[in-house]
Amino acid sequence: MTYVVTENCIKCKYTDCVEVCPVDCFYEGETMLIINPDECIDCGVCEAECPAGAILPDTQPNTEFWVELANTYSGQWPNITSKIAPLADADSYKDEAGKYDKYFSSKPPSGD
């Protein structure tokens, strides 16, 4: 089992989860974070820390897509190991549905 970051993270990118991860298995994209499934030790501490409720165990229904996304981008995006500010207007996007099709970016963070 591993934990996955789901659509709720897109356009929010809160990093409370990164701060508590004991193995630094989070990776940062332009619009969301992911968890590397090969590095996650299944401790679950990140799940409770996510203000957007975006982190779930991969045993939950409909998480296969997010595991595949993490497998793809954990080798392309930079590792993130400390808390940073969320995206601008994150709170206004927190509960929006359908964010993947509207806002997902395969790019790494811009470095602004």
PDB file of N, CA and C in Angstrom:
ATOM      1  N   MET A   1       0.843  -1.184   0.000  1.00  0.00           N
ATOM      2  CA  MET A   1       0.000   0.000   0.000  1.00  0.00           C
ATOM      3  C   MET A   1       0.886   1.245   0.000  1.00  0.00           C
ATOM      4  N   THR A   2       0.373   2.281  -0.580  1.00  0.00           N
ATOM      5  CA  THR A   2       1.005   3.594  -0.559  1.00  0.00           C
ATOM      6  C   THR A   2      -0.087   4.641  -0.417  1.00  0.00           C
ATOM      7  N   TYR A   3       0.300   5.845  -0.197  1.00  0.00           N
ATOM      8  CA  TYR A   3      -0.643   6.950  -0.180  1.00  0.00           C
ATOM      9  C   TYR A   3      -0.513   7.708  -1.488  1.00  0.00           C
ATOM     10  N   VAL A   4      -1.605   8.322  -1.919  1.00  0.00           N
ATOM     11  CA  VAL A   4      -1.612   9.071  -3.172  1.00  0.00           C
ATOM     12  C   VAL A   4      -2.187  10.458  -2.941  1.00  0.00           C
ATOM     13  N   VAL A   5      -1.696  11.385  -3.741  1.00  0.00           N
ATOM     14  CA  VAL A   5      -2.249  12.733  -3.751  1.00  0.00           C
ATOM     15  C   VAL A   5      -3.245  12.773  -4.902  1.00  0.00           C
ATOM     16  N   THR A   6      -4.434  13.256  -4.638  1.00  0.00           N
ATOM     17  CA  THR A   6      -5.507  13.249  -5.626  1.00  0.00           C
ATOM     18  C   THR A   6      -5.824  14.666  -6.104  1.00  0.00           C
ATOM     19  N   GLU A   7      -6.867  14.748  -6.902  1.00  0.00           N
ATOM     20  CA  GLU A   7      -7.270  15.986  -7.567  1.00  0.00           C
ATOM     21  C   GLU A   7      -7.430  17.186  -6.629  1.00  0.00           C
ATOM     22  N   ASN A   8      -7.799  16.948  -5.388  1.00  0.00           N
ATOM     23  CA  ASN A   8      -8.025  18.062  -4.463  1.00  0.00           C
ATOM     24  C   ASN A   8      -6.786  18.933  -4.271  1.00  0.00           C
ATOM     25  N   CYS A   9      -5.610  18.391  -4.556  1.00  0.00           N
ATOM     26  CA  CYS A   9      -4.366  19.151  -4.398  1.00  0.00           C
ATOM     27  C   CYS A   9      -4.161  20.157  -5.531  1.00  0.00           C
ATOM     28  N   ILE A  10      -4.718  19.884  -6.678  1.00  0.00           N
ATOM     29  CA  ILE A  10      -4.482  20.725  -7.853  1.00  0.00           C
ATOM     30  C   ILE A  10      -4.964  22.154  -7.597  1.00  0.00           C
ATOM     31  N   LYS A  11      -4.116  23.101  -7.916  1.00  0.00           N
ATOM     32  CA  LYS A  11      -4.325  24.545  -7.738  1.00  0.00           C
ATOM     33  C   LYS A  11      -4.328  24.966  -6.271  1.00  0.00           C
ATOM     34  N   CYS A  12      -3.973  24.055  -5.379  1.00  0.00           N
ATOM     35  CA  CYS A  12      -3.847  24.394  -3.969  1.00  0.00           C
ATOM     36  C   CYS A  12      -2.390  24.251  -3.539  1.00  0.00           C
ATOM     37  N   LYS A  13      -1.894  23.042  -3.600  1.00  0.00           N
ATOM     38  CA  LYS A  13      -0.498  22.719  -3.294  1.00  0.00           C
ATOM     39  C   LYS A  13      -0.096  23.154  -1.883  1.00  0.00           C
ATOM     40  N   TYR A  14      -0.947  22.796  -0.914  1.00  0.00           N
ATOM     41  CA  TYR A  14      -0.575  22.994   0.479  1.00  0.00           C
ATOM     42  C   TYR A  14       0.560  22.009   0.775  1.00  0.00           C
ATOM     43  N   THR A  15       1.495  22.395   1.585  1.00  0.00           N
ATOM     44  CA  THR A  15       2.636  21.508   1.836  1.00  0.00           C
ATOM     45  C   THR A  15       2.751  21.096   3.302  1.00  0.00           C
ATOM     46  N   ASP A  16       1.661  21.152   4.030  1.00  0.00           N
ATOM     47  CA  ASP A  16       1.662  20.678   5.412  1.00  0.00           C
ATOM     48  C   ASP A  16       2.097  19.213   5.461  1.00  0.00           C
ATOM     49  N   CYS A  17       1.710  18.444   4.455  1.00  0.00           N
ATOM     50  CA  CYS A  17       2.035  17.023   4.363  1.00  0.00           C
ATOM     51  C   CYS A  17       3.540  16.801   4.211  1.00  0.00           C
ATOM     52  N   VAL A  18       4.182  17.653   3.449  1.00  0.00           N
ATOM     53  CA  VAL A  18       5.621  17.543   3.198  1.00  0.00           C
ATOM     54  C   VAL A  18       6.386  17.690   4.504  1.00  0.00           C
ATOM     55  N   GLU A  19       5.934  18.609   5.311  1.00  0.00           N
ATOM     56  CA  GLU A  19       6.611  18.916   6.570  1.00  0.00           C
ATOM     57  C   GLU A  19       6.649  17.722   7.526  1.00  0.00           C
ATOM     58  N   VAL A  20       5.640  16.857   7.485  1.00  0.00           N
ATOM     59  CA  VAL A  20       5.575  15.731   8.433  1.00  0.00           C
ATOM     60  C   VAL A  20       6.075  14.411   7.855  1.00  0.00           C
ATOM     61  N   CYS A  21       6.373  14.366   6.577  1.00  0.00           N
ATOM     62  CA  CYS A  21       6.783  13.104   5.946  1.00  0.00           C
ATOM     63  C   CYS A  21       8.171  12.678   6.442  1.00  0.00           C
ATOM     64  N   PRO A  22       8.265  11.482   7.053  1.00  0.00           N
ATOM     65  CA  PRO A  22       9.562  11.049   7.590  1.00  0.00           C
ATOM     66  C   PRO A  22      10.550  10.562   6.524  1.00  0.00           C
ATOM     67  N   VAL A  23      10.080  10.328   5.304  1.00  0.00           N
ATOM     68  CA  VAL A  23      10.981   9.790   4.264  1.00  0.00           C
ATOM     69  C   VAL A  23      11.114  10.709   3.048  1.00  0.00           C
ATOM     70  N   ASP A  24      10.575  11.906   3.122  1.00  0.00           N
ATOM     71  CA  ASP A  24      10.719  12.888   2.038  1.00  0.00           C
ATOM     72  C   ASP A  24      10.347  12.316   0.672  1.00  0.00           C
ATOM     73  N   CYS A  25       9.140  11.758   0.576  1.00  0.00           N
ATOM     74  CA  CYS A  25       8.714  11.113  -0.673  1.00  0.00           C
ATOM     75  C   CYS A  25       7.768  11.966  -1.512  1.00  0.00           C
ATOM     76  N   PHE A  26       7.698  13.268  -1.233  1.00  0.00           N
ATOM     77  CA  PHE A  26       6.848  14.167  -2.010  1.00  0.00           C
ATOM     78  C   PHE A  26       7.638  14.826  -3.137  1.00  0.00           C
ATOM     79  N   TYR A  27       6.947  15.024  -4.249  1.00  0.00           N
ATOM     80  CA  TYR A  27       7.535  15.675  -5.419  1.00  0.00           C
ATOM     81  C   TYR A  27       6.592  16.783  -5.861  1.00  0.00           C
ATOM     82  N   GLU A  28       7.177  17.870  -6.353  1.00  0.00           N
ATOM     83  CA  GLU A  28       6.402  19.065  -6.642  1.00  0.00           C
ATOM     84  C   GLU A  28       6.296  19.351  -8.123  1.00  0.00           C
ATOM     85  N   GLY A  29       5.053  19.446  -8.586  1.00  0.00           N
ATOM     86  CA  GLY A  29       4.775  19.899  -9.934  1.00  0.00           C
ATOM     87  C   GLY A  29       4.309  21.334  -9.918  1.00  0.00           C
ATOM     88  N   GLU A  30       4.019  21.862 -11.074  1.00  0.00           N
ATOM     89  CA  GLU A  30       3.592  23.249 -11.179  1.00  0.00           C
ATOM     90  C   GLU A  30       2.277  23.512 -10.433  1.00  0.00           C
ATOM     91  N   THR A  31       1.345  22.538 -10.487  1.00  0.00           N
ATOM     92  CA  THR A  31       0.027  22.773  -9.887  1.00  0.00           C
ATOM     93  C   THR A  31      -0.361  21.807  -8.777  1.00  0.00           C
ATOM     94  N   MET A  32       0.496  20.821  -8.470  1.00  0.00           N
ATOM     95  CA  MET A  32       0.152  19.866  -7.418  1.00  0.00           C
ATOM     96  C   MET A  32       1.396  19.148  -6.911  1.00  0.00           C
ATOM     97  N   LEU A  33       1.213  18.395  -5.859  1.00  0.00           N
ATOM     98  CA  LEU A  33       2.246  17.529  -5.313  1.00  0.00           C
ATOM     99  C   LEU A  33       1.893  16.086  -5.630  1.00  0.00           C
ATOM    100  N   ILE A  34       2.892  15.212  -5.584  1.00  0.00           N
ATOM    101  CA  ILE A  34       2.645  13.774  -5.682  1.00  0.00           C
ATOM    102  C   ILE A  34       3.506  13.063  -4.649  1.00  0.00           C
ATOM    103  N   ILE A  35       3.161  11.824  -4.370  1.00  0.00           N
ATOM    104  CA  ILE A  35       3.935  10.960  -3.484  1.00  0.00           C
ATOM    105  C   ILE A  35       4.541   9.862  -4.341  1.00  0.00           C
ATOM    106  N   ASN A  36       5.842   9.661  -4.235  1.00  0.00           N
ATOM    107  CA  ASN A  36       6.482   8.569  -4.965  1.00  0.00           C
ATOM    108  C   ASN A  36       6.065   7.256  -4.295  1.00  0.00           C
ATOM    109  N   PRO A  37       5.337   6.387  -5.001  1.00  0.00           N
ATOM    110  CA  PRO A  37       4.844   5.148  -4.398  1.00  0.00           C
ATOM    111  C   PRO A  37       5.958   4.199  -3.964  1.00  0.00           C
ATOM    112  N   ASP A  38       7.112   4.288  -4.596  1.00  0.00           N
ATOM    113  CA  ASP A  38       8.231   3.412  -4.231  1.00  0.00           C
ATOM    114  C   ASP A  38       8.964   3.887  -2.983  1.00  0.00           C
ATOM    115  N   GLU A  39       8.757   5.130  -2.605  1.00  0.00           N
ATOM    116  CA  GLU A  39       9.441   5.686  -1.442  1.00  0.00           C
ATOM    117  C   GLU A  39       8.530   5.786  -0.217  1.00  0.00           C
ATOM    118  N   CYS A  40       7.230   5.830  -0.433  1.00  0.00           N
ATOM    119  CA  CYS A  40       6.273   5.951   0.660  1.00  0.00           C
ATOM    120  C   CYS A  40       6.334   4.712   1.549  1.00  0.00           C
ATOM    121  N   ILE A  41       6.387   4.925   2.872  1.00  0.00           N
ATOM    122  CA  ILE A  41       6.442   3.802   3.810  1.00  0.00           C
ATOM    123  C   ILE A  41       5.078   3.513   4.441  1.00  0.00           C
ATOM    124  N   ASP A  42       4.041   4.125   3.905  1.00  0.00           N
ATOM    125  CA  ASP A  42       2.669   3.853   4.340  1.00  0.00           C
ATOM    126  C   ASP A  42       2.389   4.221   5.797  1.00  0.00           C
ATOM    127  N   CYS A  43       3.066   5.227   6.294  1.00  0.00           N
ATOM    128  CA  CYS A  43       2.850   5.602   7.692  1.00  0.00           C
ATOM    129  C   CYS A  43       1.542   6.367   7.878  1.00  0.00           C
ATOM    130  N   GLY A  44       1.109   7.104   6.843  1.00  0.00           N
ATOM    131  CA  GLY A  44      -0.166   7.803   6.894  1.00  0.00           C
ATOM    132  C   GLY A  44      -0.181   9.140   7.609  1.00  0.00           C
ATOM    133  N   VAL A  45       0.949   9.616   8.102  1.00  0.00           N
ATOM    134  CA  VAL A  45       0.929  10.889   8.830  1.00  0.00           C
ATOM    135  C   VAL A  45       0.549  12.059   7.929  1.00  0.00           C
ATOM    136  N   CYS A  46       0.832  11.947   6.650  1.00  0.00           N
ATOM    137  CA  CYS A  46       0.526  13.038   5.715  1.00  0.00           C
ATOM    138  C   CYS A  46      -0.975  13.208   5.495  1.00  0.00           C
ATOM    139  N   GLU A  47      -1.710  12.134   5.529  1.00  0.00           N
ATOM    140  CA  GLU A  47      -3.139  12.174   5.222  1.00  0.00           C
ATOM    141  C   GLU A  47      -3.890  13.155   6.128  1.00  0.00           C
ATOM    142  N   ALA A  48      -3.615  13.090   7.408  1.00  0.00           N
ATOM    143  CA  ALA A  48      -4.311  13.946   8.370  1.00  0.00           C
ATOM    144  C   ALA A  48      -3.886  15.411   8.270  1.00  0.00           C
ATOM    145  N   GLU A  49      -2.728  15.669   7.712  1.00  0.00           N
ATOM    146  CA  GLU A  49      -2.199  17.033   7.643  1.00  0.00           C
ATOM    147  C   GLU A  49      -2.692  17.827   6.439  1.00  0.00           C
ATOM    148  N   CYS A  50      -3.281  17.177   5.464  1.00  0.00           N
ATOM    149  CA  CYS A  50      -3.666  17.849   4.227  1.00  0.00           C
ATOM    150  C   CYS A  50      -4.947  18.665   4.406  1.00  0.00           C
ATOM    151  N   PRO A  51      -4.868  19.992   4.310  1.00  0.00           N
ATOM    152  CA  PRO A  51      -6.060  20.824   4.487  1.00  0.00           C
ATOM    153  C   PRO A  51      -7.117  20.619   3.403  1.00  0.00           C
ATOM    154  N   ALA A  52      -6.695  20.121   2.249  1.00  0.00           N
ATOM    155  CA  ALA A  52      -7.631  19.921   1.136  1.00  0.00           C
ATOM    156  C   ALA A  52      -8.206  18.506   1.094  1.00  0.00           C
ATOM    157  N   GLY A  53      -7.776  17.638   1.993  1.00  0.00           N
ATOM    158  CA  GLY A  53      -8.245  16.254   1.976  1.00  0.00           C
ATOM    159  C   GLY A  53      -7.842  15.528   0.713  1.00  0.00           C
ATOM    160  N   ALA A  54      -6.669  15.856   0.178  1.00  0.00           N
ATOM    161  CA  ALA A  54      -6.227  15.318  -1.113  1.00  0.00           C
ATOM    162  C   ALA A  54      -5.458  14.010  -1.017  1.00  0.00           C
ATOM    163  N   ILE A  55      -5.075  13.601   0.182  1.00  0.00           N
ATOM    164  CA  ILE A  55      -4.245  12.409   0.335  1.00  0.00           C
ATOM    165  C   ILE A  55      -5.094  11.242   0.827  1.00  0.00           C
ATOM    166  N   LEU A  56      -4.984  10.132   0.095  1.00  0.00           N
ATOM    167  CA  LEU A  56      -5.747   8.920   0.416  1.00  0.00           C
ATOM    168  C   LEU A  56      -4.858   7.695   0.298  1.00  0.00           C
ATOM    169  N   PRO A  57      -5.196   6.613   1.018  1.00  0.00           N
ATOM    170  CA  PRO A  57      -4.488   5.361   0.775  1.00  0.00           C
ATOM    171  C   PRO A  57      -4.880   4.822  -0.603  1.00  0.00           C
ATOM    172  N   ASP A  58      -3.957   4.164  -1.270  1.00  0.00           N
ATOM    173  CA  ASP A  58      -4.252   3.661  -2.613  1.00  0.00           C
ATOM    174  C   ASP A  58      -5.245   2.506  -2.618  1.00  0.00           C
ATOM    175  N   THR A  59      -5.688   2.097  -1.451  1.00  0.00           N
ATOM    176  CA  THR A  59      -6.714   1.057  -1.363  1.00  0.00           C
ATOM    177  C   THR A  59      -8.120   1.627  -1.523  1.00  0.00           C
ATOM    178  N   GLN A  60      -8.240   2.939  -1.527  1.00  0.00           N
ATOM    179  CA  GLN A  60      -9.534   3.589  -1.735  1.00  0.00           C
ATOM    180  C   GLN A  60      -9.943   3.445  -3.203  1.00  0.00           C
ATOM    181  N   PRO A  61     -11.244   3.432  -3.474  1.00  0.00           N
ATOM    182  CA  PRO A  61     -11.703   3.335  -4.870  1.00  0.00           C
ATOM    183  C   PRO A  61     -11.201   4.503  -5.714  1.00  0.00           C
ATOM    184  N   ASN A  62     -10.945   4.229  -6.970  1.00  0.00           N
ATOM    185  CA  ASN A  62     -10.583   5.231  -7.971  1.00  0.00           C
ATOM    186  C   ASN A  62      -9.261   5.945  -7.705  1.00  0.00           C
ATOM    187  N   THR A  63      -8.317   5.257  -7.097  1.00  0.00           N
ATOM    188  CA  THR A  63      -7.010   5.878  -6.869  1.00  0.00           C
ATOM    189  C   THR A  63      -5.951   5.385  -7.862  1.00  0.00           C
ATOM    190  N   GLU A  64      -6.288   4.421  -8.698  1.00  0.00           N
ATOM    191  CA  GLU A  64      -5.311   3.852  -9.635  1.00  0.00           C
ATOM    192  C   GLU A  64      -4.713   4.921 -10.547  1.00  0.00           C
ATOM    193  N   PHE A  65      -5.550   5.825 -11.028  1.00  0.00           N
ATOM    194  CA  PHE A  65      -5.084   6.904 -11.902  1.00  0.00           C
ATOM    195  C   PHE A  65      -4.011   7.733 -11.207  1.00  0.00           C
ATOM    196  N   TRP A  66      -4.223   8.041  -9.936  1.00  0.00           N
ATOM    197  CA  TRP A  66      -3.298   8.892  -9.186  1.00  0.00           C
ATOM    198  C   TRP A  66      -1.990   8.172  -8.884  1.00  0.00           C
ATOM    199  N   VAL A  67      -2.060   6.852  -8.698  1.00  0.00           N
ATOM    200  CA  VAL A  67      -0.826   6.069  -8.529  1.00  0.00           C
ATOM    201  C   VAL A  67      -0.007   6.127  -9.808  1.00  0.00           C
ATOM    202  N   GLU A  68      -0.653   5.954 -10.949  1.00  0.00           N
ATOM    203  CA  GLU A  68       0.041   6.028 -12.244  1.00  0.00           C
ATOM    204  C   GLU A  68       0.641   7.411 -12.479  1.00  0.00           C
ATOM    205  N   LEU A  69      -0.108   8.438 -12.140  1.00  0.00           N
ATOM    206  CA  LEU A  69       0.384   9.807 -12.277  1.00  0.00           C
ATOM    207  C   LEU A  69       1.647   9.989 -11.428  1.00  0.00           C
ATOM    208  N   ALA A  70       1.604   9.505 -10.210  1.00  0.00           N
ATOM    209  CA  ALA A  70       2.766   9.603  -9.318  1.00  0.00           C
ATOM    210  C   ALA A  70       3.945   8.817  -9.866  1.00  0.00           C
ATOM    211  N   ASN A  71       3.700   7.632 -10.388  1.00  0.00           N
ATOM    212  CA  ASN A  71       4.785   6.844 -10.990  1.00  0.00           C
ATOM    213  C   ASN A  71       5.427   7.593 -12.146  1.00  0.00           C
ATOM    214  N   THR A  72       4.629   8.264 -12.934  1.00  0.00           N
ATOM    215  CA  THR A  72       5.137   9.008 -14.088  1.00  0.00           C
ATOM    216  C   THR A  72       5.955  10.222 -13.676  1.00  0.00           C
ATOM    217  N   TYR A  73       5.429  11.035 -12.794  1.00  0.00           N
ATOM    218  CA  TYR A  73       6.050  12.329 -12.520  1.00  0.00           C
ATOM    219  C   TYR A  73       7.047  12.356 -11.365  1.00  0.00           C
ATOM    220  N   SER A  74       7.074  11.329 -10.539  1.00  0.00           N
ATOM    221  CA  SER A  74       8.053  11.344  -9.441  1.00  0.00           C
ATOM    222  C   SER A  74       9.484  11.266  -9.969  1.00  0.00           C
ATOM    223  N   GLY A  75       9.658  10.776 -11.186  1.00  0.00           N
ATOM    224  CA  GLY A  75      10.983  10.764 -11.797  1.00  0.00           C
ATOM    225  C   GLY A  75      11.298  12.026 -12.585  1.00  0.00           C
ATOM    226  N   GLN A  76      10.318  12.919 -12.718  1.00  0.00           N
ATOM    227  CA  GLN A  76      10.502  14.127 -13.514  1.00  0.00           C
ATOM    228  C   GLN A  76      10.455  15.408 -12.687  1.00  0.00           C
ATOM    229  N   TRP A  77       9.684  15.408 -11.627  1.00  0.00           N
ATOM    230  CA  TRP A  77       9.528  16.603 -10.806  1.00  0.00           C
ATOM    231  C   TRP A  77      10.537  16.582  -9.665  1.00  0.00           C
ATOM    232  N   PRO A  78      10.895  17.759  -9.135  1.00  0.00           N
ATOM    233  CA  PRO A  78      11.855  17.800  -8.030  1.00  0.00           C
ATOM    234  C   PRO A  78      11.240  17.351  -6.707  1.00  0.00           C
ATOM    235  N   ASN A  79      12.079  16.747  -5.906  1.00  0.00           N
ATOM    236  CA  ASN A  79      11.702  16.348  -4.558  1.00  0.00           C
ATOM    237  C   ASN A  79      11.511  17.613  -3.717  1.00  0.00           C
ATOM    238  N   ILE A  80      10.502  17.606  -2.878  1.00  0.00           N
ATOM    239  CA  ILE A  80      10.260  18.732  -1.972  1.00  0.00           C
ATOM    240  C   ILE A  80      10.303  18.197  -0.549  1.00  0.00           C
ATOM    241  N   THR A  81      11.068  18.851   0.307  1.00  0.00           N
ATOM    242  CA  THR A  81      11.291  18.333   1.654  1.00  0.00           C
ATOM    243  C   THR A  81      10.930  19.314   2.766  1.00  0.00           C
ATOM    244  N   SER A  82      10.489  20.512   2.405  1.00  0.00           N
ATOM    245  CA  SER A  82      10.092  21.456   3.441  1.00  0.00           C
ATOM    246  C   SER A  82       8.859  22.242   2.998  1.00  0.00           C
ATOM    247  N   LYS A  83       8.197  22.786   3.975  1.00  0.00           N
ATOM    248  CA  LYS A  83       6.953  23.509   3.724  1.00  0.00           C
ATOM    249  C   LYS A  83       7.223  24.811   2.973  1.00  0.00           C
ATOM    250  N   ILE A  84       6.363  25.091   1.995  1.00  0.00           N
ATOM    251  CA  ILE A  84       6.397  26.347   1.257  1.00  0.00           C
ATOM    252  C   ILE A  84       4.976  26.917   1.251  1.00  0.00           C
ATOM    253  N   ALA A  85       4.838  28.126   0.795  1.00  0.00           N
ATOM    254  CA  ALA A  85       3.510  28.743   0.717  1.00  0.00           C
ATOM    255  C   ALA A  85       2.656  28.030  -0.331  1.00  0.00           C
ATOM    256  N   PRO A  86       1.362  27.892  -0.084  1.00  0.00           N
ATOM    257  CA  PRO A  86       0.487  27.296  -1.100  1.00  0.00           C
ATOM    258  C   PRO A  86       0.362  28.223  -2.305  1.00  0.00           C
ATOM    259  N   LEU A  87      -0.243  27.723  -3.352  1.00  0.00           N
ATOM    260  CA  LEU A  87      -0.464  28.553  -4.532  1.00  0.00           C
ATOM    261  C   LEU A  87      -1.381  29.725  -4.195  1.00  0.00           C
ATOM    262  N   ALA A  88      -1.245  30.797  -4.947  1.00  0.00           N
ATOM    263  CA  ALA A  88      -2.114  31.961  -4.749  1.00  0.00           C
ATOM    264  C   ALA A  88      -3.567  31.527  -4.947  1.00  0.00           C
ATOM    265  N   ASP A  89      -4.443  32.025  -4.127  1.00  0.00           N
ATOM    266  CA  ASP A  89      -5.875  31.707  -4.204  1.00  0.00           C
ATOM    267  C   ASP A  89      -6.176  30.229  -3.947  1.00  0.00           C
ATOM    268  N   ALA A  90      -5.296  29.530  -3.270  1.00  0.00           N
ATOM    269  CA  ALA A  90      -5.501  28.107  -3.003  1.00  0.00           C
ATOM    270  C   ALA A  90      -6.832  27.835  -2.316  1.00  0.00           C
ATOM    271  N   ASP A  91      -7.177  28.654  -1.355  1.00  0.00           N
ATOM    272  CA  ASP A  91      -8.426  28.419  -0.625  1.00  0.00           C
ATOM    273  C   ASP A  91      -9.649  28.494  -1.531  1.00  0.00           C
ATOM    274  N   SER A  92      -9.593  29.312  -2.561  1.00  0.00           N
ATOM    275  CA  SER A  92     -10.748  29.428  -3.461  1.00  0.00           C
ATOM    276  C   SER A  92     -10.889  28.215  -4.375  1.00  0.00           C
ATOM    277  N   TYR A  93      -9.832  27.439  -4.545  1.00  0.00           N
ATOM    278  CA  TYR A  93      -9.877  26.244  -5.393  1.00  0.00           C
ATOM    279  C   TYR A  93     -10.047  24.955  -4.590  1.00  0.00           C
ATOM    280  N   LYS A  94      -9.925  25.040  -3.296  1.00  0.00           N
ATOM    281  CA  LYS A  94      -9.864  23.856  -2.429  1.00  0.00           C
ATOM    282  C   LYS A  94     -10.999  22.862  -2.654  1.00  0.00           C
ATOM    283  N   ASP A  95     -12.205  23.313  -2.795  1.00  0.00           N
ATOM    284  CA  ASP A  95     -13.346  22.398  -2.904  1.00  0.00           C
ATOM    285  C   ASP A  95     -13.905  22.283  -4.327  1.00  0.00           C
ATOM    286  N   GLU A  96     -13.203  22.809  -5.296  1.00  0.00           N
ATOM    287  CA  GLU A  96     -13.673  22.755  -6.679  1.00  0.00           C
ATOM    288  C   GLU A  96     -13.535  21.344  -7.248  1.00  0.00           C
ATOM    289  N   ALA A  97     -14.544  20.899  -7.979  1.00  0.00           N
ATOM    290  CA  ALA A  97     -14.506  19.582  -8.630  1.00  0.00           C
ATOM    291  C   ALA A  97     -13.987  19.733 -10.060  1.00  0.00           C
ATOM    292  N   GLY A  98     -13.494  18.647 -10.625  1.00  0.00           N
ATOM    293  CA  GLY A  98     -13.060  18.649 -12.018  1.00  0.00           C
ATOM    294  C   GLY A  98     -11.780  19.418 -12.286  1.00  0.00           C
ATOM    295  N   LYS A  99     -10.914  19.519 -11.299  1.00  0.00           N
ATOM    296  CA  LYS A  99      -9.708  20.329 -11.446  1.00  0.00           C
ATOM    297  C   LYS A  99      -8.661  19.707 -12.370  1.00  0.00           C
ATOM    298  N   TYR A 100      -8.625  18.390 -12.463  1.00  0.00           N
ATOM    299  CA  TYR A 100      -7.590  17.767 -13.297  1.00  0.00           C
ATOM    300  C   TYR A 100      -7.684  18.247 -14.746  1.00  0.00           C
ATOM    301  N   ASP A 101      -8.853  18.152 -15.326  1.00  0.00           N
ATOM    302  CA  ASP A 101      -9.020  18.543 -16.727  1.00  0.00           C
ATOM    303  C   ASP A 101      -8.809  20.041 -16.949  1.00  0.00           C
ATOM    304  N   LYS A 102      -9.093  20.842 -15.950  1.00  0.00           N
ATOM    305  CA  LYS A 102      -8.975  22.290 -16.094  1.00  0.00           C
ATOM    306  C   LYS A 102      -7.571  22.820 -15.815  1.00  0.00           C
ATOM    307  N   TYR A 103      -6.898  22.261 -14.796  1.00  0.00           N
ATOM    308  CA  TYR A 103      -5.707  22.916 -14.284  1.00  0.00           C
ATOM    309  C   TYR A 103      -4.439  22.069 -14.181  1.00  0.00           C
ATOM    310  N   PHE A 104      -4.507  20.775 -14.370  1.00  0.00           N
ATOM    311  CA  PHE A 104      -3.301  19.966 -14.194  1.00  0.00           C
ATOM    312  C   PHE A 104      -2.212  20.394 -15.164  1.00  0.00           C
ATOM    313  N   SER A 105      -1.002  20.436 -14.676  1.00  0.00           N
ATOM    314  CA  SER A 105       0.167  20.722 -15.513  1.00  0.00           C
ATOM    315  C   SER A 105       1.208  19.644 -15.284  1.00  0.00           C
ATOM    316  N   SER A 106       1.795  19.140 -16.341  1.00  0.00           N
ATOM    317  CA  SER A 106       2.850  18.141 -16.212  1.00  0.00           C
ATOM    318  C   SER A 106       4.217  18.772 -15.983  1.00  0.00           C
ATOM    319  N   LYS A 107       4.260  20.087 -15.947  1.00  0.00           N
ATOM    320  CA  LYS A 107       5.517  20.807 -15.785  1.00  0.00           C
ATOM    321  C   LYS A 107       5.971  20.808 -14.325  1.00  0.00           C
ATOM    322  N   PRO A 108       7.267  20.902 -14.081  1.00  0.00           N
ATOM    323  CA  PRO A 108       7.750  21.124 -12.731  1.00  0.00           C
ATOM    324  C   PRO A 108       7.418  22.553 -12.298  1.00  0.00           C
ATOM    325  N   PRO A 109       7.640  22.894 -11.039  1.00  0.00           N
ATOM    326  CA  PRO A 109       7.345  24.263 -10.604  1.00  0.00           C
ATOM    327  C   PRO A 109       8.208  25.261 -11.367  1.00  0.00           C
ATOM    328  N   SER A 110       7.687  26.455 -11.526  1.00  0.00           N
ATOM    329  CA  SER A 110       8.366  27.460 -12.325  1.00  0.00           C
ATOM    330  C   SER A 110       9.549  28.095 -11.611  1.00  0.00           C
ATOM    331  N   GLY A 111       9.611  27.979 -10.305  1.00  0.00           N
ATOM    332  CA  GLY A 111      10.717  28.554  -9.552  1.00  0.00           C
ATOM    333  C   GLY A 111      10.533  30.010  -9.212  1.00  0.00           C
ATOM    334  N   ASP A 112       9.294  30.487  -9.300  1.00  0.00           N
ATOM    335  CA  ASP A 112       9.033  31.901  -8.976  1.00  0.00           C
ATOM    336  C   ASP A 112       9.323  32.190  -7.518  1.00  0.00           C
TER     337      ASP A 112
END
